[in-house]
Amino acid sequence: MPIFEYKCIKCNKISEFLELRDSKQSRVCPHCGSSELTKQISVFSAQVKEGQSKKCFGCSDNTCPHSRG
């Protein structure tokens, strides 16, 4: 199940929730109890394992450390 981040409009704290893709479950802020939450765009990372290409798919110049090597 993917993890989604929600920001509470009332207390401005961000919380993470596990949810199914088609989940219609209502969320409640664990900090203040408000149900006024907005879904946030999360940043994620990927790890390159040994033996795989060391170049990122997004590297287009030599500023990325993965493009040298």
Protein backbone atom coordinates (compact mmCIF):
# COMPACT_ATOMS: atom_id res chain seq x y z
CA MET A 1 0.00 0.00 0.00
CA PRO A 2 1.32 3.45 -0.81
CA ILE A 3 1.95 6.09 1.84
CA PHE A 4 0.34 9.50 1.31
CA GLU A 5 1.04 12.70 3.20
CA TYR A 6 -1.76 15.03 4.28
CA LYS A 7 -1.41 18.53 5.73
CA CYS A 8 -3.91 19.66 8.34
CA ILE A 9 -5.46 23.04 7.55
CA LYS A 10 -6.15 23.70 11.25
CA CYS A 11 -2.73 22.93 12.86
CA ASN A 12 -0.48 22.87 9.72
CA LYS A 13 1.09 19.53 10.68
CA ILE A 14 1.80 16.85 8.10
CA SER A 15 0.79 13.23 8.73
CA GLU A 16 1.33 10.05 6.73
CA PHE A 17 -1.39 7.49 6.00
CA LEU A 18 -1.30 4.10 4.30
CA GLU A 19 -4.15 3.77 1.85
CA LEU A 20 -5.43 1.72 -1.02
CA ARG A 21 -5.65 3.36 -4.44
CA ASP A 22 -9.45 3.54 -4.49
CA SER A 23 -9.88 4.27 -0.79
CA LYS A 24 -12.70 6.70 0.07
CA GLN A 25 -11.78 6.61 3.75
CA SER A 26 -11.97 9.96 5.55
CA ARG A 27 -8.81 11.09 7.32
CA VAL A 28 -8.53 12.75 10.72
CA CYS A 29 -5.48 14.67 11.91
CA PRO A 30 -3.81 12.66 14.70
CA HIS A 31 -2.50 15.90 16.24
CA CYS A 32 -5.68 18.01 16.61
CA GLY A 33 -8.55 15.78 15.41
CA SER A 34 -9.55 18.00 12.46
CA SER A 35 -10.89 16.37 9.31
CA GLU A 36 -9.74 19.29 7.12
CA LEU A 37 -6.74 17.67 5.46
CA THR A 38 -5.21 18.31 2.04
CA LYS A 39 -3.16 15.73 0.17
CA GLN A 40 0.46 16.78 -0.37
CA ILE A 41 2.84 15.97 -3.20
CA SER A 42 5.53 13.80 -1.66
CA VAL A 43 9.17 13.49 -2.61
CA PHE A 44 10.55 10.01 -2.98
CA SER A 45 13.94 8.50 -3.76
CA ALA A 46 15.21 5.41 -5.51
CA GLN A 47 18.36 3.52 -4.71
CA VAL A 48 20.60 2.25 -7.52
CA LYS A 49 21.89 -1.24 -6.71
CA GLU A 50 25.35 -2.49 -7.55
CA GLY A 51 25.56 -3.78 -11.10
CA GLN A 52 22.82 -1.51 -12.43
CA SER A 53 23.42 1.58 -14.49
CA LYS A 54 24.86 4.35 -12.32
CA LYS A 55 23.20 7.07 -14.41
CA CYS A 56 19.82 8.46 -13.39
CA PHE A 57 17.07 8.59 -15.98
CA GLY A 58 16.78 12.34 -15.32
CA CYS A 59 20.50 13.20 -15.66
CA SER A 60 20.88 15.45 -18.68
CA ASP A 61 24.14 17.23 -17.83
CA ASN A 62 27.33 16.66 -15.83
CA THR A 63 26.08 18.38 -12.65
CA CYS A 64 24.52 15.18 -11.32
CA PRO A 65 27.05 12.92 -9.51
CA HIS A 66 25.50 9.89 -11.22
CA SER A 67 26.43 11.16 -14.69
CA ARG A 68 30.13 10.87 -13.84
CA GLY A 69 31.12 7.27 -13.56
